[in-house]
Amino acid sequence: MHTNDLKKGTSVRLRNGWSATIEDNKKGNIRLCKVYGRYTELGSVYSHDIMEYIAEDGTLKPIVHTEKQLKHYALVSKIFEEVL
């Protein structure tokens, strides 16, 4: 499944291991999510950071990223490598 196919209310797993719930029905490189990490926050999440979704049967299913999302991830990760 692509991130554009995720609907509001879908539970997902992020790249850093945290879980989140999709809070919009938009498409593109940024999705609105309620993230359950150290704190519960509502905010924007890059689509390339969404790695899995929880299917109706309760199993984790992988997300397929578009070429554009993978290029964006390569750019962003390179920028943050230089900063850290």
PDB file of N, CA and C in Angstrom:
ATOM      1  N   MET A   1       0.849  -1.171   0.000  1.00  0.00           N
ATOM      2  CA  MET A   1       0.000   0.000   0.000  1.00  0.00           C
ATOM      3  C   MET A   1       0.895   1.235   0.000  1.00  0.00           C
ATOM      4  N   HIS A   2       0.495   2.245  -0.738  1.00  0.00           N
ATOM      5  CA  HIS A   2       1.202   3.526  -0.759  1.00  0.00           C
ATOM      6  C   HIS A   2       0.637   4.442   0.328  1.00  0.00           C
ATOM      7  N   THR A   3       1.409   5.423   0.735  1.00  0.00           N
ATOM      8  CA  THR A   3       0.946   6.351   1.769  1.00  0.00           C
ATOM      9  C   THR A   3      -0.262   7.152   1.299  1.00  0.00           C
ATOM     10  N   ASN A   4      -0.398   7.368   0.007  1.00  0.00           N
ATOM     11  CA  ASN A   4      -1.563   8.092  -0.504  1.00  0.00           C
ATOM     12  C   ASN A   4      -2.858   7.307  -0.309  1.00  0.00           C
ATOM     13  N   ASP A   5      -2.759   6.004  -0.108  1.00  0.00           N
ATOM     14  CA  ASP A   5      -3.938   5.157   0.076  1.00  0.00           C
ATOM     15  C   ASP A   5      -4.366   5.045   1.539  1.00  0.00           C
ATOM     16  N   LEU A   6      -3.561   5.566   2.458  1.00  0.00           N
ATOM     17  CA  LEU A   6      -3.900   5.510   3.880  1.00  0.00           C
ATOM     18  C   LEU A   6      -5.022   6.486   4.183  1.00  0.00           C
ATOM     19  N   LYS A   7      -6.031   6.013   4.901  1.00  0.00           N
ATOM     20  CA  LYS A   7      -7.191   6.830   5.239  1.00  0.00           C
ATOM     21  C   LYS A   7      -7.115   7.288   6.692  1.00  0.00           C
ATOM     22  N   LYS A   8      -7.889   8.322   7.002  1.00  0.00           N
ATOM     23  CA  LYS A   8      -7.972   8.841   8.368  1.00  0.00           C
ATOM     24  C   LYS A   8      -8.352   7.704   9.312  1.00  0.00           C
ATOM     25  N   GLY A   9      -7.631   7.626  10.433  1.00  0.00           N
ATOM     26  CA  GLY A   9      -7.894   6.601  11.434  1.00  0.00           C
ATOM     27  C   GLY A   9      -7.012   5.372  11.326  1.00  0.00           C
ATOM     28  N   THR A  10      -6.224   5.261  10.250  1.00  0.00           N
ATOM     29  CA  THR A  10      -5.333   4.116  10.087  1.00  0.00           C
ATOM     30  C   THR A  10      -4.147   4.232  11.038  1.00  0.00           C
ATOM     31  N   SER A  11      -3.856   3.155  11.735  1.00  0.00           N
ATOM     32  CA  SER A  11      -2.684   3.114  12.626  1.00  0.00           C
ATOM     33  C   SER A  11      -1.470   2.725  11.813  1.00  0.00           C
ATOM     34  N   VAL A  12      -0.362   3.417  12.066  1.00  0.00           N
ATOM     35  CA  VAL A  12       0.870   3.175  11.326  1.00  0.00           C
ATOM     36  C   VAL A  12       2.052   3.096  12.273  1.00  0.00           C
ATOM     37  N   ARG A  13       3.157   2.545  11.765  1.00  0.00           N
ATOM     38  CA  ARG A  13       4.417   2.494  12.493  1.00  0.00           C
ATOM     39  C   ARG A  13       5.398   3.384  11.754  1.00  0.00           C
ATOM     40  N   LEU A  14       6.112   4.240  12.476  1.00  0.00           N
ATOM     41  CA  LEU A  14       7.056   5.182  11.876  1.00  0.00           C
ATOM     42  C   LEU A  14       8.467   4.607  11.832  1.00  0.00           C
ATOM     43  N   ARG A  15       9.307   5.257  11.065  1.00  0.00           N
ATOM     44  CA  ARG A  15      10.699   4.823  10.883  1.00  0.00           C
ATOM     45  C   ARG A  15      11.448   4.711  12.212  1.00  0.00           C
ATOM     46  N   ASN A  16      11.140   5.577  13.164  1.00  0.00           N
ATOM     47  CA  ASN A  16      11.839   5.562  14.450  1.00  0.00           C
ATOM     48  C   ASN A  16      11.235   4.570  15.443  1.00  0.00           C
ATOM     49  N   GLY A  17      10.195   3.813  15.018  1.00  0.00           N
ATOM     50  CA  GLY A  17       9.592   2.802  15.879  1.00  0.00           C
ATOM     51  C   GLY A  17       8.344   3.262  16.606  1.00  0.00           C
ATOM     52  N   TRP A  18       8.083   4.550  16.601  1.00  0.00           N
ATOM     53  CA  TRP A  18       6.885   5.053  17.261  1.00  0.00           C
ATOM     54  C   TRP A  18       5.655   4.708  16.446  1.00  0.00           C
ATOM     55  N   SER A  19       4.501   4.718  17.095  1.00  0.00           N
ATOM     56  CA  SER A  19       3.256   4.482  16.374  1.00  0.00           C
ATOM     57  C   SER A  19       2.533   5.810  16.189  1.00  0.00           C
ATOM     58  N   ALA A  20       1.612   5.822  15.228  1.00  0.00           N
ATOM     59  CA  ALA A  20       0.866   7.041  14.928  1.00  0.00           C
ATOM     60  C   ALA A  20      -0.478   6.659  14.312  1.00  0.00           C
ATOM     61  N   THR A  21      -1.383   7.624  14.300  1.00  0.00           N
ATOM     62  CA  THR A  21      -2.672   7.468  13.652  1.00  0.00           C
ATOM     63  C   THR A  21      -2.806   8.560  12.603  1.00  0.00           C
ATOM     64  N   ILE A  22      -3.185   8.185  11.383  1.00  0.00           N
ATOM     65  CA  ILE A  22      -3.383   9.154  10.306  1.00  0.00           C
ATOM     66  C   ILE A  22      -4.606  10.007  10.646  1.00  0.00           C
ATOM     67  N   GLU A  23      -4.474  11.321  10.530  1.00  0.00           N
ATOM     68  CA  GLU A  23      -5.551  12.236  10.897  1.00  0.00           C
ATOM     69  C   GLU A  23      -6.093  13.032   9.712  1.00  0.00           C
ATOM     70  N   ASP A  24      -5.713  12.674   8.483  1.00  0.00           N
ATOM     71  CA  ASP A  24      -6.236  13.370   7.308  1.00  0.00           C
ATOM     72  C   ASP A  24      -6.441  12.375   6.174  1.00  0.00           C
ATOM     73  N   ASN A  25      -7.038  12.821   5.106  1.00  0.00           N
ATOM     74  CA  ASN A  25      -7.208  11.991   3.907  1.00  0.00           C
ATOM     75  C   ASN A  25      -6.458  12.580   2.726  1.00  0.00           C
ATOM     76  N   LYS A  26      -5.439  13.386   3.001  1.00  0.00           N
ATOM     77  CA  LYS A  26      -4.675  14.042   1.939  1.00  0.00           C
ATOM     78  C   LYS A  26      -3.697  13.075   1.292  1.00  0.00           C
ATOM     79  N   LYS A  27      -3.108  13.530   0.225  1.00  0.00           N
ATOM     80  CA  LYS A  27      -2.081  12.776  -0.483  1.00  0.00           C
ATOM     81  C   LYS A  27      -0.823  13.645  -0.554  1.00  0.00           C
ATOM     82  N   GLY A  28       0.319  13.020  -0.753  1.00  0.00           N
ATOM     83  CA  GLY A  28       1.535  13.797  -0.914  1.00  0.00           C
ATOM     84  C   GLY A  28       2.630  13.385   0.034  1.00  0.00           C
ATOM     85  N   ASN A  29       3.633  14.261   0.164  1.00  0.00           N
ATOM     86  CA  ASN A  29       4.825  13.949   0.951  1.00  0.00           C
ATOM     87  C   ASN A  29       4.681  14.224   2.434  1.00  0.00           C
ATOM     88  N   ILE A  30       3.601  14.884   2.846  1.00  0.00           N
ATOM     89  CA  ILE A  30       3.408  15.192   4.263  1.00  0.00           C
ATOM     90  C   ILE A  30       1.988  14.795   4.658  1.00  0.00           C
ATOM     91  N   ARG A  31       1.878  14.078   5.784  1.00  0.00           N
ATOM     92  CA  ARG A  31       0.578  13.653   6.296  1.00  0.00           C
ATOM     93  C   ARG A  31       0.423  14.167   7.720  1.00  0.00           C
ATOM     94  N   LEU A  32      -0.802  14.459   8.119  1.00  0.00           N
ATOM     95  CA  LEU A  32      -1.100  14.872   9.480  1.00  0.00           C
ATOM     96  C   LEU A  32      -1.328  13.617  10.309  1.00  0.00           C
ATOM     97  N   CYS A  33      -0.593  13.493  11.423  1.00  0.00           N
ATOM     98  CA  CYS A  33      -0.679  12.297  12.257  1.00  0.00           C
ATOM     99  C   CYS A  33      -0.699  12.660  13.729  1.00  0.00           C
ATOM    100  N   LYS A  34      -1.352  11.821  14.503  1.00  0.00           N
ATOM    101  CA  LYS A  34      -1.228  11.875  15.952  1.00  0.00           C
ATOM    102  C   LYS A  34      -0.154  10.855  16.287  1.00  0.00           C
ATOM    103  N   VAL A  35       0.965  11.331  16.821  1.00  0.00           N
ATOM    104  CA  VAL A  35       2.143  10.488  17.066  1.00  0.00           C
ATOM    105  C   VAL A  35       2.211  10.142  18.549  1.00  0.00           C
ATOM    106  N   TYR A  36       2.397   8.857  18.819  1.00  0.00           N
ATOM    107  CA  TYR A  36       2.517   8.359  20.187  1.00  0.00           C
ATOM    108  C   TYR A  36       3.972   8.006  20.437  1.00  0.00           C
ATOM    109  N   GLY A  37       4.719   8.951  21.006  1.00  0.00           N
ATOM    110  CA  GLY A  37       6.135   8.759  21.289  1.00  0.00           C
ATOM    111  C   GLY A  37       6.372   9.057  22.748  1.00  0.00           C
ATOM    112  N   ARG A  38       7.362   9.881  23.036  1.00  0.00           N
ATOM    113  CA  ARG A  38       7.574  10.306  24.425  1.00  0.00           C
ATOM    114  C   ARG A  38       6.350  11.039  24.931  1.00  0.00           C
ATOM    115  N   TYR A  39       5.742  11.798  24.030  1.00  0.00           N
ATOM    116  CA  TYR A  39       4.503  12.504  24.296  1.00  0.00           C
ATOM    117  C   TYR A  39       3.558  12.200  23.142  1.00  0.00           C
ATOM    118  N   THR A  40       2.285  12.441  23.340  1.00  0.00           N
ATOM    119  CA  THR A  40       1.327  12.315  22.248  1.00  0.00           C
ATOM    120  C   THR A  40       1.168  13.692  21.636  1.00  0.00           C
ATOM    121  N   GLU A  41       1.473  13.799  20.344  1.00  0.00           N
ATOM    122  CA  GLU A  41       1.431  15.081  19.649  1.00  0.00           C
ATOM    123  C   GLU A  41       0.733  14.927  18.309  1.00  0.00           C
ATOM    124  N   LEU A  42       0.132  16.005  17.847  1.00  0.00           N
ATOM    125  CA  LEU A  42      -0.476  16.060  16.536  1.00  0.00           C
ATOM    126  C   LEU A  42       0.398  16.934  15.660  1.00  0.00           C
ATOM    127  N   GLY A  43       0.795  16.420  14.489  1.00  0.00           N
ATOM    128  CA  GLY A  43       1.649  17.229  13.635  1.00  0.00           C
ATOM    129  C   GLY A  43       1.922  16.569  12.307  1.00  0.00           C
ATOM    130  N   SER A  44       2.737  17.228  11.516  1.00  0.00           N
ATOM    131  CA  SER A  44       3.077  16.760  10.178  1.00  0.00           C
ATOM    132  C   SER A  44       4.155  15.680  10.241  1.00  0.00           C
ATOM    133  N   VAL A  45       3.982  14.658   9.408  1.00  0.00           N
ATOM    134  CA  VAL A  45       4.936  13.559   9.322  1.00  0.00           C
ATOM    135  C   VAL A  45       5.265  13.360   7.845  1.00  0.00           C
ATOM    136  N   TYR A  46       6.552  13.277   7.531  1.00  0.00           N
ATOM    137  CA  TYR A  46       6.940  12.966   6.158  1.00  0.00           C
ATOM    138  C   TYR A  46       6.422  11.578   5.793  1.00  0.00           C
ATOM    139  N   SER A  47       5.896  11.445   4.591  1.00  0.00           N
ATOM    140  CA  SER A  47       5.379  10.150   4.124  1.00  0.00           C
ATOM    141  C   SER A  47       6.462   9.081   4.102  1.00  0.00           C
ATOM    142  N   HIS A  48       7.710   9.478   3.834  1.00  0.00           N
ATOM    143  CA  HIS A  48       8.783   8.482   3.787  1.00  0.00           C
ATOM    144  C   HIS A  48       9.136   7.943   5.164  1.00  0.00           C
ATOM    145  N   ASP A  49       8.622   8.556   6.225  1.00  0.00           N
ATOM    146  CA  ASP A  49       8.850   8.046   7.569  1.00  0.00           C
ATOM    147  C   ASP A  49       7.772   7.059   8.013  1.00  0.00           C
ATOM    148  N   ILE A  50       6.733   6.872   7.221  1.00  0.00           N
ATOM    149  CA  ILE A  50       5.699   5.884   7.516  1.00  0.00           C
ATOM    150  C   ILE A  50       6.147   4.566   6.890  1.00  0.00           C
ATOM    151  N   MET A  51       6.396   3.561   7.714  1.00  0.00           N
ATOM    152  CA  MET A  51       6.990   2.313   7.241  1.00  0.00           C
ATOM    153  C   MET A  51       6.007   1.151   7.141  1.00  0.00           C
ATOM    154  N   GLU A  52       5.030   1.099   8.040  1.00  0.00           N
ATOM    155  CA  GLU A  52       4.071  -0.005   8.062  1.00  0.00           C
ATOM    156  C   GLU A  52       2.712   0.519   8.496  1.00  0.00           C
ATOM    157  N   TYR A  53       1.673  -0.215   8.151  1.00  0.00           N
ATOM    158  CA  TYR A  53       0.344   0.106   8.652  1.00  0.00           C
ATOM    159  C   TYR A  53      -0.259  -1.149   9.255  1.00  0.00           C
ATOM    160  N   ILE A  54      -1.215  -0.947  10.149  1.00  0.00           N
ATOM    161  CA  ILE A  54      -1.869  -2.076  10.785  1.00  0.00           C
ATOM    162  C   ILE A  54      -3.135  -2.385  10.000  1.00  0.00           C
ATOM    163  N   ALA A  55      -3.181  -3.566   9.396  1.00  0.00           N
ATOM    164  CA  ALA A  55      -4.319  -3.988   8.591  1.00  0.00           C
ATOM    165  C   ALA A  55      -5.511  -4.314   9.493  1.00  0.00           C
ATOM    166  N   GLU A  56      -6.661  -4.517   8.875  1.00  0.00           N
ATOM    167  CA  GLU A  56      -7.879  -4.818   9.632  1.00  0.00           C
ATOM    168  C   GLU A  56      -7.758  -6.095  10.444  1.00  0.00           C
ATOM    169  N   ASP A  57      -6.936  -7.041   9.992  1.00  0.00           N
ATOM    170  CA  ASP A  57      -6.759  -8.292  10.740  1.00  0.00           C
ATOM    171  C   ASP A  57      -5.715  -8.164  11.851  1.00  0.00           C
ATOM    172  N   GLY A  58      -5.164  -6.950  12.040  1.00  0.00           N
ATOM    173  CA  GLY A  58      -4.222  -6.691  13.125  1.00  0.00           C
ATOM    174  C   GLY A  58      -2.769  -6.938  12.783  1.00  0.00           C
ATOM    175  N   THR A  59      -2.470  -7.331  11.561  1.00  0.00           N
ATOM    176  CA  THR A  59      -1.083  -7.594  11.173  1.00  0.00           C
ATOM    177  C   THR A  59      -0.442  -6.332  10.602  1.00  0.00           C
ATOM    178  N   LEU A  60       0.870  -6.241  10.736  1.00  0.00           N
ATOM    179  CA  LEU A  60       1.615  -5.127  10.157  1.00  0.00           C
ATOM    180  C   LEU A  60       1.899  -5.409   8.691  1.00  0.00           C
ATOM    181  N   LYS A  61       1.572  -4.452   7.841  1.00  0.00           N
ATOM    182  CA  LYS A  61       1.806  -4.574   6.402  1.00  0.00           C
ATOM    183  C   LYS A  61       2.761  -3.470   5.977  1.00  0.00           C
ATOM    184  N   PRO A  62       3.677  -3.753   5.049  1.00  0.00           N
ATOM    185  CA  PRO A  62       4.660  -2.742   4.638  1.00  0.00           C
ATOM    186  C   PRO A  62       4.046  -1.658   3.755  1.00  0.00           C
ATOM    187  N   ILE A  63       4.651  -0.489   3.805  1.00  0.00           N
ATOM    188  CA  ILE A  63       4.296   0.633   2.944  1.00  0.00           C
ATOM    189  C   ILE A  63       5.257   0.631   1.760  1.00  0.00           C
ATOM    190  N   VAL A  64       4.747   0.890   0.584  1.00  0.00           N
ATOM    191  CA  VAL A  64       5.563   1.026  -0.618  1.00  0.00           C
ATOM    192  C   VAL A  64       5.708   2.515  -0.899  1.00  0.00           C
ATOM    193  N   HIS A  65       6.952   3.002  -0.906  1.00  0.00           N
ATOM    194  CA  HIS A  65       7.199   4.425  -1.144  1.00  0.00           C
ATOM    195  C   HIS A  65       7.408   4.684  -2.632  1.00  0.00           C
ATOM    196  N   THR A  66       6.981   5.870  -3.044  1.00  0.00           N
ATOM    197  CA  THR A  66       7.182   6.273  -4.433  1.00  0.00           C
ATOM    198  C   THR A  66       8.630   6.700  -4.630  1.00  0.00           C
ATOM    199  N   GLU A  67       9.048   6.794  -5.870  1.00  0.00           N
ATOM    200  CA  GLU A  67      10.405   7.245  -6.179  1.00  0.00           C
ATOM    201  C   GLU A  67      10.634   8.659  -5.651  1.00  0.00           C
ATOM    202  N   LYS A  68       9.624   9.515  -5.769  1.00  0.00           N
ATOM    203  CA  LYS A  68       9.727  10.889  -5.280  1.00  0.00           C
ATOM    204  C   LYS A  68       9.924  10.920  -3.763  1.00  0.00           C
ATOM    205  N   GLN A  69       9.213  10.054  -3.039  1.00  0.00           N
ATOM    206  CA  GLN A  69       9.366  10.000  -1.584  1.00  0.00           C
ATOM    207  C   GLN A  69      10.755   9.498  -1.194  1.00  0.00           C
ATOM    208  N   LEU A  70      11.269   8.533  -1.928  1.00  0.00           N
ATOM    209  CA  LEU A  70      12.610   8.013  -1.637  1.00  0.00           C
ATOM    210  C   LEU A  70      13.693   9.056  -1.924  1.00  0.00           C
ATOM    211  N   LYS A  71      13.525   9.836  -2.981  1.00  0.00           N
ATOM    212  CA  LYS A  71      14.472  10.922  -3.279  1.00  0.00           C
ATOM    213  C   LYS A  71      14.418  11.973  -2.181  1.00  0.00           C
ATOM    214  N   HIS A  72      13.213  12.281  -1.709  1.00  0.00           N
ATOM    215  CA  HIS A  72      13.059  13.268  -0.636  1.00  0.00           C
ATOM    216  C   HIS A  72      13.724  12.764   0.640  1.00  0.00           C
ATOM    217  N   TYR A  73      13.562  11.478   0.943  1.00  0.00           N
ATOM    218  CA  TYR A  73      14.207  10.899   2.117  1.00  0.00           C
ATOM    219  C   TYR A  73      15.723  10.999   2.009  1.00  0.00           C
ATOM    220  N   ALA A  74      16.271  10.706   0.836  1.00  0.00           N
ATOM    221  CA  ALA A  74      17.725  10.795   0.641  1.00  0.00           C
ATOM    222  C   ALA A  74      18.222  12.215   0.878  1.00  0.00           C
ATOM    223  N   LEU A  75      17.481  13.201   0.404  1.00  0.00           N
ATOM    224  CA  LEU A  75      17.853  14.603   0.590  1.00  0.00           C
ATOM    225  C   LEU A  75      17.788  15.003   2.060  1.00  0.00           C
ATOM    226  N   VAL A  76      16.678  14.689   2.709  1.00  0.00           N
ATOM    227  CA  VAL A  76      16.487  15.076   4.109  1.00  0.00           C
ATOM    228  C   VAL A  76      17.500  14.382   5.010  1.00  0.00           C
ATOM    229  N   SER A  77      17.728  13.094   4.811  1.00  0.00           N
ATOM    230  CA  SER A  77      18.665  12.384   5.671  1.00  0.00           C
ATOM    231  C   SER A  77      20.085  12.904   5.496  1.00  0.00           C
ATOM    232  N   LYS A  78      20.441  13.304   4.283  1.00  0.00           N
ATOM    233  CA  LYS A  78      21.765  13.876   4.040  1.00  0.00           C
ATOM    234  C   LYS A  78      21.922  15.216   4.772  1.00  0.00           C
ATOM    235  N   ILE A  79      20.882  16.027   4.755  1.00  0.00           N
ATOM    236  CA  ILE A  79      20.914  17.327   5.433  1.00  0.00           C
ATOM    237  C   ILE A  79      21.088  17.113   6.934  1.00  0.00           C
ATOM    238  N   PHE A  80      20.320  16.172   7.520  1.00  0.00           N
ATOM    239  CA  PHE A  80      20.413  15.955   8.962  1.00  0.00           C
ATOM    240  C   PHE A  80      21.718  15.290   9.363  1.00  0.00           C
ATOM    241  N   GLU A  81      22.322  14.487   8.500  1.00  0.00           N
ATOM    242  CA  GLU A  81      23.642  13.922   8.772  1.00  0.00           C
ATOM    243  C   GLU A  81      24.667  15.017   8.928  1.00  0.00           C
ATOM    244  N   GLU A  82      24.593  16.025   8.069  1.00  0.00           N
ATOM    245  CA  GLU A  82      25.549  17.122   8.111  1.00  0.00           C
ATOM    246  C   GLU A  82      25.374  17.969   9.347  1.00  0.00           C
ATOM    247  N   VAL A  83      24.137  18.098   9.817  1.00  0.00           N
ATOM    248  CA  VAL A  83      23.848  18.906  11.006  1.00  0.00           C
ATOM    249  C   VAL A  83      24.304  18.186  12.255  1.00  0.00           C
ATOM    250  N   LEU A  84      24.078  16.878  12.329  1.00  0.00           N
ATOM    251  CA  LEU A  84      24.431  16.110  13.525  1.00  0.00           C
ATOM    252  C   LEU A  84      25.916  15.886  13.520  1.00  0.00           C
TER     253      LEU A  84
END
